[in-house]
Each structure stands twice: as structure tokens, then as C-alpha cells.
Amino acid sequence: MILLLIMAKIIFSVGFSAFIFYDSTCRDLNGFFFGALSLALCIAGIFDIIDFKFLLITLYFSYMLFRPKEEMVYCRRCFKKKIKTKTYCPHCFDFDKKILADELRLLTVFSFDRESVEDNKKS
């Protein structure tokens, strides 16, 4: 019975860590860090160093609280989820030219024209 409980905890821990890894990768966070952290803490919970149920509830709500809360859309190339405002897909690194053009336009609007600044210094 104890072996069955440990196996269930291991399966649930791996599934939970895979969810954290996939969701953090889609949201352009460091998926390896969050996945490894949740797996390490779940392993500590499996061996009863920390209460397993309390640990999972704490990990889940802390991740949901601190992850970026932006709209998710599907990439037009690989059909995996990405944040709508990101210029590239974190899975296939396909650039969204419309968002990139908008950001470049904003850079040109807010950047200073060197010639006009130099003309003001001369006068």
C-alpha cells in the first residue's frame, strides 16, 4: 500500500512539473528552472520532508499568482501557445512581423534625431 502511494505521488509530481514547465515556457519564462524547482520540491514531498498536499497547493497557487497574466494565442507556424504581445514564439522562434513593426515604429517615434539635437547645441 505504501509503495502504491509513493508511485501515485511520483506520477502526480512528474505531471505537475510537466504542466509548470510547459506553461512557463509558453509564457516566456525559464521553463527548465520552474520545472526543476517544482520537481525537486515534489521529490522532497514524496519522502515526507515536507507535507505533500500542502506543498502542491502552495506551489500551484504561488505559480499562478506570479506568472504573467497576458492573453495567450496560438503561433501561426507551430500552433503552440505564446503570449500575444511577444514578438517571437518561444517554441519555434518565429517572429511576428506585425508586432515587430509596431515596436520599431515606437522606437523611431521616441528616439531623438541626432541632427536636431546637434543643431540645438550649435544655436
N, C-alpha and C. Protein backbone atom coordinates (compact mmCIF):
# COMPACT_ATOMS: atom_id res chain seq x y z
N MET A 1 0.83 -1.20 0.00
CA MET A 1 0.00 0.00 0.00
C MET A 1 0.86 1.26 0.00
N ILE A 2 1.94 1.24 0.76
CA ILE A 2 2.84 2.41 0.83
C ILE A 2 3.52 2.60 -0.52
N LEU A 3 3.91 1.50 -1.15
CA LEU A 3 4.54 1.59 -2.47
C LEU A 3 3.59 2.19 -3.49
N LEU A 4 2.32 1.83 -3.43
CA LEU A 4 1.32 2.39 -4.34
C LEU A 4 1.14 3.89 -4.11
N LEU A 5 1.17 4.30 -2.86
CA LEU A 5 1.06 5.73 -2.54
C LEU A 5 2.27 6.51 -3.04
N ILE A 6 3.45 5.93 -2.89
CA ILE A 6 4.67 6.60 -3.39
C ILE A 6 4.65 6.69 -4.91
N MET A 7 4.19 5.65 -5.58
CA MET A 7 4.09 5.67 -7.05
C MET A 7 3.09 6.73 -7.51
N ALA A 8 1.98 6.85 -6.80
CA ALA A 8 0.98 7.87 -7.15
C ALA A 8 1.57 9.27 -6.96
N LYS A 9 2.33 9.47 -5.90
CA LYS A 9 2.97 10.77 -5.66
C LYS A 9 3.98 11.09 -6.76
N ILE A 10 4.74 10.08 -7.18
CA ILE A 10 5.74 10.30 -8.24
C ILE A 10 5.06 10.66 -9.55
N ILE A 11 4.02 9.93 -9.91
CA ILE A 11 3.29 10.22 -11.16
C ILE A 11 2.67 11.61 -11.11
N PHE A 12 2.06 11.96 -10.00
CA PHE A 12 1.46 13.29 -9.87
C PHE A 12 2.52 14.38 -9.89
N SER A 13 3.67 14.13 -9.27
CA SER A 13 4.76 15.12 -9.26
C SER A 13 5.31 15.37 -10.65
N VAL A 14 5.50 14.31 -11.41
CA VAL A 14 6.02 14.46 -12.78
C VAL A 14 5.00 15.19 -13.64
N GLY A 15 3.73 14.86 -13.50
CA GLY A 15 2.69 15.56 -14.27
C GLY A 15 2.59 17.02 -13.89
N PHE A 16 2.67 17.31 -12.61
CA PHE A 16 2.61 18.70 -12.15
C PHE A 16 3.82 19.48 -12.66
N SER A 17 5.01 18.88 -12.59
CA SER A 17 6.23 19.55 -13.08
C SER A 17 6.17 19.76 -14.59
N ALA A 18 5.59 18.81 -15.32
CA ALA A 18 5.45 18.96 -16.77
C ALA A 18 4.49 20.11 -17.09
N PHE A 19 3.40 20.25 -16.32
CA PHE A 19 2.49 21.37 -16.52
C PHE A 19 3.19 22.70 -16.26
N ILE A 20 3.94 22.78 -15.17
CA ILE A 20 4.67 24.01 -14.84
C ILE A 20 5.69 24.33 -15.93
N PHE A 21 6.41 23.31 -16.40
CA PHE A 21 7.41 23.51 -17.45
C PHE A 21 6.76 24.03 -18.73
N TYR A 22 5.68 23.38 -19.18
CA TYR A 22 5.04 23.78 -20.43
C TYR A 22 4.44 25.18 -20.32
N ASP A 23 3.76 25.46 -19.22
CA ASP A 23 3.11 26.76 -19.07
C ASP A 23 4.14 27.88 -18.95
N SER A 24 5.22 27.65 -18.22
CA SER A 24 6.23 28.70 -18.09
C SER A 24 6.99 28.92 -19.39
N THR A 25 7.18 27.86 -20.18
CA THR A 25 7.81 28.03 -21.49
C THR A 25 6.91 28.83 -22.42
N CYS A 26 5.60 28.56 -22.39
CA CYS A 26 4.66 29.31 -23.23
C CYS A 26 4.62 30.78 -22.84
N ARG A 27 4.82 31.07 -21.59
CA ARG A 27 4.77 32.46 -21.11
C ARG A 27 6.14 33.12 -21.12
N ASP A 28 7.11 32.52 -21.79
CA ASP A 28 8.44 33.06 -22.00
C ASP A 28 9.20 33.23 -20.68
N LEU A 29 8.97 32.33 -19.74
CA LEU A 29 9.75 32.27 -18.52
C LEU A 29 10.76 31.14 -18.68
N ASN A 30 11.65 30.99 -17.73
CA ASN A 30 12.62 29.92 -17.79
C ASN A 30 11.96 28.61 -17.38
N GLY A 31 11.53 27.82 -18.35
CA GLY A 31 10.79 26.60 -18.09
C GLY A 31 11.61 25.56 -17.36
N PHE A 32 12.90 25.47 -17.67
CA PHE A 32 13.74 24.48 -17.00
C PHE A 32 13.88 24.79 -15.52
N PHE A 33 14.01 26.06 -15.18
CA PHE A 33 14.14 26.45 -13.78
C PHE A 33 12.87 26.12 -13.00
N PHE A 34 11.73 26.55 -13.51
CA PHE A 34 10.47 26.31 -12.80
C PHE A 34 10.12 24.83 -12.76
N GLY A 35 10.37 24.10 -13.84
CA GLY A 35 10.10 22.67 -13.85
C GLY A 35 10.99 21.90 -12.89
N ALA A 36 12.30 22.24 -12.88
CA ALA A 36 13.22 21.56 -11.98
C ALA A 36 12.94 21.91 -10.53
N LEU A 37 12.59 23.18 -10.28
CA LEU A 37 12.26 23.59 -8.91
C LEU A 37 11.03 22.85 -8.39
N SER A 38 10.00 22.78 -9.20
CA SER A 38 8.79 22.09 -8.75
C SER A 38 9.04 20.59 -8.60
N LEU A 39 9.85 19.99 -9.48
CA LEU A 39 10.16 18.57 -9.35
C LEU A 39 10.99 18.29 -8.10
N ALA A 40 11.96 19.16 -7.82
CA ALA A 40 12.79 18.97 -6.62
C ALA A 40 11.96 19.10 -5.35
N LEU A 41 11.06 20.07 -5.33
CA LEU A 41 10.22 20.22 -4.14
C LEU A 41 9.22 19.08 -4.02
N CYS A 42 8.73 18.58 -5.15
CA CYS A 42 7.82 17.43 -5.09
C CYS A 42 8.54 16.18 -4.63
N ILE A 43 9.80 16.01 -5.02
CA ILE A 43 10.58 14.87 -4.53
C ILE A 43 10.77 14.97 -3.02
N ALA A 44 11.00 16.20 -2.53
CA ALA A 44 11.08 16.39 -1.08
C ALA A 44 9.75 16.04 -0.43
N GLY A 45 8.66 16.33 -1.10
CA GLY A 45 7.34 15.97 -0.57
C GLY A 45 7.07 14.48 -0.61
N ILE A 46 7.63 13.80 -1.61
CA ILE A 46 7.43 12.35 -1.71
C ILE A 46 8.06 11.63 -0.51
N PHE A 47 9.23 12.07 -0.10
CA PHE A 47 9.92 11.44 1.02
C PHE A 47 9.54 12.07 2.36
N ASP A 48 8.41 12.75 2.39
CA ASP A 48 7.82 13.31 3.61
C ASP A 48 8.74 14.28 4.35
N ILE A 49 9.60 14.97 3.61
CA ILE A 49 10.38 16.06 4.22
C ILE A 49 9.45 17.26 4.41
N ILE A 50 8.57 17.45 3.46
CA ILE A 50 7.55 18.49 3.52
C ILE A 50 6.21 17.79 3.27
N ASP A 51 5.13 18.28 3.86
CA ASP A 51 3.82 17.69 3.62
C ASP A 51 3.47 17.83 2.14
N PHE A 52 3.15 16.73 1.49
CA PHE A 52 2.97 16.70 0.03
C PHE A 52 1.78 17.53 -0.43
N LYS A 53 0.64 17.41 0.23
CA LYS A 53 -0.56 18.17 -0.19
C LYS A 53 -0.35 19.66 0.00
N PHE A 54 0.21 20.05 1.13
CA PHE A 54 0.48 21.46 1.38
C PHE A 54 1.47 22.01 0.36
N LEU A 55 2.48 21.21 0.02
CA LEU A 55 3.48 21.64 -0.95
C LEU A 55 2.87 21.87 -2.32
N LEU A 56 2.04 20.94 -2.79
CA LEU A 56 1.44 21.10 -4.12
C LEU A 56 0.49 22.30 -4.18
N ILE A 57 -0.29 22.46 -3.14
CA ILE A 57 -1.20 23.61 -3.11
C ILE A 57 -0.43 24.91 -3.09
N THR A 58 0.64 24.97 -2.29
CA THR A 58 1.46 26.18 -2.21
C THR A 58 2.16 26.46 -3.53
N LEU A 59 2.75 25.44 -4.15
CA LEU A 59 3.42 25.62 -5.44
C LEU A 59 2.44 26.09 -6.52
N TYR A 60 1.29 25.47 -6.57
CA TYR A 60 0.32 25.81 -7.61
C TYR A 60 -0.16 27.25 -7.47
N PHE A 61 -0.56 27.65 -6.27
CA PHE A 61 -1.08 29.00 -6.10
C PHE A 61 0.01 30.06 -6.21
N SER A 62 1.23 29.76 -5.77
CA SER A 62 2.31 30.75 -5.92
C SER A 62 2.68 30.92 -7.39
N TYR A 63 2.70 29.82 -8.16
CA TYR A 63 2.98 29.95 -9.59
C TYR A 63 1.88 30.72 -10.30
N MET A 64 0.63 30.40 -10.00
CA MET A 64 -0.49 31.09 -10.63
C MET A 64 -0.52 32.57 -10.26
N LEU A 65 -0.05 32.90 -9.09
CA LEU A 65 -0.05 34.29 -8.64
C LEU A 65 1.02 35.11 -9.34
N PHE A 66 2.20 34.51 -9.58
CA PHE A 66 3.33 35.28 -10.09
C PHE A 66 3.61 35.11 -11.58
N ARG A 67 2.87 34.28 -12.27
CA ARG A 67 3.12 34.15 -13.71
C ARG A 67 2.53 35.34 -14.46
N PRO A 68 3.05 35.65 -15.67
CA PRO A 68 2.48 36.75 -16.46
C PRO A 68 1.04 36.46 -16.84
N LYS A 69 0.18 37.47 -16.69
CA LYS A 69 -1.25 37.28 -16.93
C LYS A 69 -1.68 37.94 -18.24
N GLU A 70 -1.00 37.62 -19.31
CA GLU A 70 -1.33 38.20 -20.60
C GLU A 70 -2.11 37.19 -21.43
N GLU A 71 -2.73 37.70 -22.48
CA GLU A 71 -3.54 36.84 -23.34
C GLU A 71 -2.65 35.88 -24.13
N MET A 72 -3.08 34.62 -24.20
CA MET A 72 -2.34 33.60 -24.92
C MET A 72 -3.00 33.36 -26.28
N VAL A 73 -2.18 33.27 -27.32
CA VAL A 73 -2.66 32.95 -28.67
C VAL A 73 -1.83 31.80 -29.22
N TYR A 74 -2.30 31.22 -30.31
CA TYR A 74 -1.55 30.14 -30.93
C TYR A 74 -0.61 30.70 -31.98
N CYS A 75 0.60 30.15 -32.04
CA CYS A 75 1.59 30.55 -33.04
C CYS A 75 1.09 30.12 -34.41
N ARG A 76 1.31 30.95 -35.40
CA ARG A 76 0.83 30.64 -36.75
C ARG A 76 1.70 29.60 -37.43
N ARG A 77 2.88 29.34 -36.88
CA ARG A 77 3.78 28.38 -37.51
C ARG A 77 3.75 27.00 -36.84
N CYS A 78 3.89 26.97 -35.50
CA CYS A 78 3.95 25.67 -34.81
C CYS A 78 2.67 25.33 -34.05
N PHE A 79 1.72 26.26 -33.98
CA PHE A 79 0.41 26.08 -33.33
C PHE A 79 0.50 25.76 -31.84
N LYS A 80 1.55 26.26 -31.18
CA LYS A 80 1.66 26.16 -29.73
C LYS A 80 1.36 27.53 -29.15
N LYS A 81 1.02 27.57 -27.87
CA LYS A 81 0.62 28.83 -27.26
C LYS A 81 1.81 29.75 -27.01
N LYS A 82 1.56 31.06 -27.16
CA LYS A 82 2.54 32.09 -26.85
C LYS A 82 1.80 33.31 -26.36
N ILE A 83 2.51 34.22 -25.71
CA ILE A 83 1.91 35.47 -25.26
C ILE A 83 1.65 36.36 -26.47
N LYS A 84 0.51 36.98 -26.51
CA LYS A 84 0.09 37.75 -27.69
C LYS A 84 1.04 38.90 -28.00
N THR A 85 1.59 39.56 -26.99
CA THR A 85 2.41 40.75 -27.22
C THR A 85 3.87 40.45 -27.48
N LYS A 86 4.29 39.18 -27.41
CA LYS A 86 5.69 38.83 -27.67
C LYS A 86 5.96 38.85 -29.16
N THR A 87 7.16 39.28 -29.54
CA THR A 87 7.50 39.38 -30.95
C THR A 87 7.86 38.03 -31.56
N TYR A 88 8.12 37.02 -30.71
CA TYR A 88 8.50 35.72 -31.24
C TYR A 88 7.84 34.61 -30.43
N CYS A 89 7.79 33.44 -31.04
CA CYS A 89 7.26 32.24 -30.37
C CYS A 89 8.41 31.59 -29.62
N PRO A 90 8.25 31.27 -28.32
CA PRO A 90 9.35 30.65 -27.58
C PRO A 90 9.62 29.20 -27.99
N HIS A 91 8.74 28.60 -28.79
CA HIS A 91 8.93 27.21 -29.20
C HIS A 91 9.67 27.11 -30.52
N CYS A 92 9.23 27.87 -31.53
CA CYS A 92 9.85 27.75 -32.86
C CYS A 92 10.63 29.01 -33.25
N PHE A 93 10.60 30.04 -32.42
CA PHE A 93 11.30 31.32 -32.63
C PHE A 93 10.89 32.01 -33.92
N ASP A 94 9.63 31.86 -34.31
CA ASP A 94 9.08 32.55 -35.47
C ASP A 94 8.71 33.97 -35.05
N PHE A 95 9.19 34.97 -35.79
CA PHE A 95 8.91 36.36 -35.46
C PHE A 95 7.57 36.79 -36.01
N ASP A 96 6.83 37.53 -35.23
CA ASP A 96 5.57 38.12 -35.67
C ASP A 96 5.91 39.49 -36.23
N LYS A 97 5.85 39.62 -37.54
CA LYS A 97 6.32 40.85 -38.19
C LYS A 97 5.46 42.06 -37.87
N LYS A 98 4.18 41.86 -37.61
CA LYS A 98 3.29 42.98 -37.28
C LYS A 98 3.68 43.59 -35.94
N ILE A 99 3.88 42.75 -34.93
CA ILE A 99 4.27 43.25 -33.61
C ILE A 99 5.66 43.86 -33.67
N LEU A 100 6.57 43.23 -34.42
CA LEU A 100 7.92 43.75 -34.56
C LEU A 100 7.91 45.11 -35.24
N ALA A 101 7.08 45.30 -36.27
CA ALA A 101 6.98 46.59 -36.95
C ALA A 101 6.41 47.66 -36.01
N ASP A 102 5.42 47.29 -35.19
CA ASP A 102 4.87 48.24 -34.22
C ASP A 102 5.92 48.68 -33.21
N GLU A 103 6.74 47.74 -32.73
CA GLU A 103 7.79 48.10 -31.78
C GLU A 103 8.86 48.97 -32.42
N LEU A 104 9.21 48.68 -33.66
CA LEU A 104 10.19 49.52 -34.36
C LEU A 104 9.65 50.93 -34.59
N ARG A 105 8.35 51.02 -34.90
CA ARG A 105 7.73 52.32 -35.08
C ARG A 105 7.77 53.12 -33.78
N LEU A 106 7.50 52.46 -32.67
CA LEU A 106 7.57 53.14 -31.37
C LEU A 106 8.98 53.59 -31.06
N LEU A 107 9.97 52.79 -31.43
CA LEU A 107 11.36 53.19 -31.19
C LEU A 107 11.73 54.43 -32.00
N THR A 108 11.26 54.50 -33.24
CA THR A 108 11.59 55.66 -34.06
C THR A 108 10.84 56.90 -33.59
N VAL A 109 9.64 56.73 -33.04
CA VAL A 109 8.88 57.88 -32.55
C VAL A 109 9.54 58.46 -31.31
N PHE A 110 10.01 57.59 -30.41
CA PHE A 110 10.55 58.06 -29.14
C PHE A 110 12.06 58.29 -29.16
N SER A 111 12.73 57.96 -30.23
CA SER A 111 14.17 58.20 -30.28
C SER A 111 14.43 59.64 -30.74
N PHE A 112 15.54 60.17 -30.30
CA PHE A 112 15.88 61.53 -30.66
C PHE A 112 16.60 61.56 -31.99
N ASP A 113 16.32 62.59 -32.76
CA ASP A 113 17.00 62.79 -34.03
C ASP A 113 18.32 63.49 -33.72
N ARG A 114 19.45 62.88 -34.06
CA ARG A 114 20.75 63.42 -33.69
C ARG A 114 21.01 64.79 -34.33
N GLU A 115 20.56 64.93 -35.54
CA GLU A 115 20.82 66.20 -36.23
C GLU A 115 20.09 67.35 -35.54
N SER A 116 18.85 67.14 -35.13
CA SER A 116 18.12 68.22 -34.48
C SER A 116 18.71 68.53 -33.11
N VAL A 117 19.21 67.54 -32.43
CA VAL A 117 19.85 67.78 -31.13
C VAL A 117 21.15 68.56 -31.34
N GLU A 118 21.93 68.18 -32.35
CA GLU A 118 23.18 68.88 -32.62
C GLU A 118 22.92 70.31 -33.10
N ASP A 119 21.85 70.52 -33.88
CA ASP A 119 21.51 71.87 -34.32
C ASP A 119 21.13 72.74 -33.14
N ASN A 120 20.43 72.20 -32.17
CA ASN A 120 20.06 72.96 -30.97
C ASN A 120 21.28 73.30 -30.13
N LYS A 121 22.28 72.46 -30.13
CA LYS A 121 23.51 72.74 -29.37
C LYS A 121 24.30 73.87 -30.04
N LYS A 122 24.31 73.91 -31.38
CA LYS A 122 25.07 74.94 -32.10
C LYS A 122 24.42 76.31 -31.94
N SER A 123 23.10 76.36 -31.84
CA SER A 123 22.44 77.65 -31.75
C SER A 123 22.50 78.28 -30.40
